[in-house]
Protein backbone atom coordinates (compact mmCIF):
# COMPACT_ATOMS: atom_id res chain seq x y z
CA MET A 1 -12.13 6.13 -4.52
CA VAL A 2 -12.47 5.07 -0.38
CA PHE A 3 -10.62 1.95 -0.71
CA ALA A 4 -7.78 3.97 -1.88
CA GLY A 5 -7.24 6.39 0.13
CA LEU A 6 -7.53 3.44 2.39
CA ALA A 7 -5.02 1.25 1.09
CA LEU A 8 -2.74 4.26 0.42
CA LEU A 9 -2.56 5.37 4.82
CA VAL A 10 -1.89 1.64 5.00
CA ALA A 11 0.93 1.42 2.85
CA ILE A 12 2.44 4.81 4.38
CA PHE A 13 1.63 3.04 7.45
CA SER A 14 3.43 0.08 6.95
CA PHE A 15 6.66 1.80 5.41
CA ALA A 16 6.67 3.66 8.94
CA GLY A 17 6.67 -0.12 10.51
CA ALA A 18 8.74 -1.30 8.33
CA ILE A 19 11.27 1.53 8.94
CA VAL A 20 11.02 1.42 13.41
CA SER A 21 11.62 -2.52 12.90
CA LEU A 22 14.82 -2.41 10.66
CA LYS A 23 15.82 -0.48 13.82
CA ARG A 24 14.96 -3.02 15.91
CA LYS A 25 16.42 -5.27 13.91
CA ASN A 26 12.96 -7.45 13.86
CA PHE A 27 13.19 -9.19 10.25
CA PHE A 28 10.50 -10.71 10.18
CA ALA A 29 8.18 -7.96 11.04
CA VAL A 30 10.39 -6.05 8.40
CA GLY A 31 9.74 -8.44 5.73
CA PHE A 32 5.88 -8.86 7.07
CA SER A 33 5.71 -4.83 6.28
CA GLY A 34 6.90 -4.85 2.97
CA VAL A 35 4.76 -7.06 1.21
CA SER A 36 2.36 -4.76 3.28
CA VAL A 37 3.47 -1.92 1.45
CA LEU A 38 3.91 -3.23 -1.96
CA VAL A 39 0.43 -5.16 -2.15
CA PHE A 40 -1.21 -2.23 -0.57
CA GLY A 41 0.40 0.68 -2.55
CA PHE A 42 0.06 -1.57 -5.44
CA PHE A 43 -4.11 -1.71 -5.46
CA SER A 44 -4.33 2.29 -4.20
CA ILE A 45 -1.96 3.60 -7.07
CA ALA A 46 -4.16 0.85 -9.82
CA THR A 47 -7.40 2.60 -8.42
CA ILE A 48 -6.33 6.24 -8.17
CA TYR A 49 -4.90 5.38 -11.50
CA ALA A 50 -8.33 3.35 -12.95
CA TYR A 51 -10.78 6.45 -11.63
CA ILE A 52 -8.44 8.94 -13.70
CA VAL A 53 -7.69 7.30 -16.73
CA ARG A 54 -11.17 5.44 -16.83
CA GLY A 55 -13.33 7.23 -14.87
CA GLY A 56 -13.83 5.17 -11.76
CA GLY A 57 -14.44 1.50 -11.41
CA VAL A 58 -11.67 -1.13 -10.52
CA PRO A 59 -9.29 -1.66 -12.09
CA LEU A 60 -9.92 -5.26 -14.73
CA GLU A 61 -8.67 -5.10 -17.92
């Protein structure tokens, strides 16, 4: 569950970084921040879902 919390924290900070990069019109950084939000957000939500539905573990099935 620690991984899910850390991944969610990284996704939140990446989202904040994307907002700042948009204000500065740095679209290269917006792209990397967007990919980070998608990847870390997916893994955090998938891990939290696995703990709630399956009782723990990494969602492999």
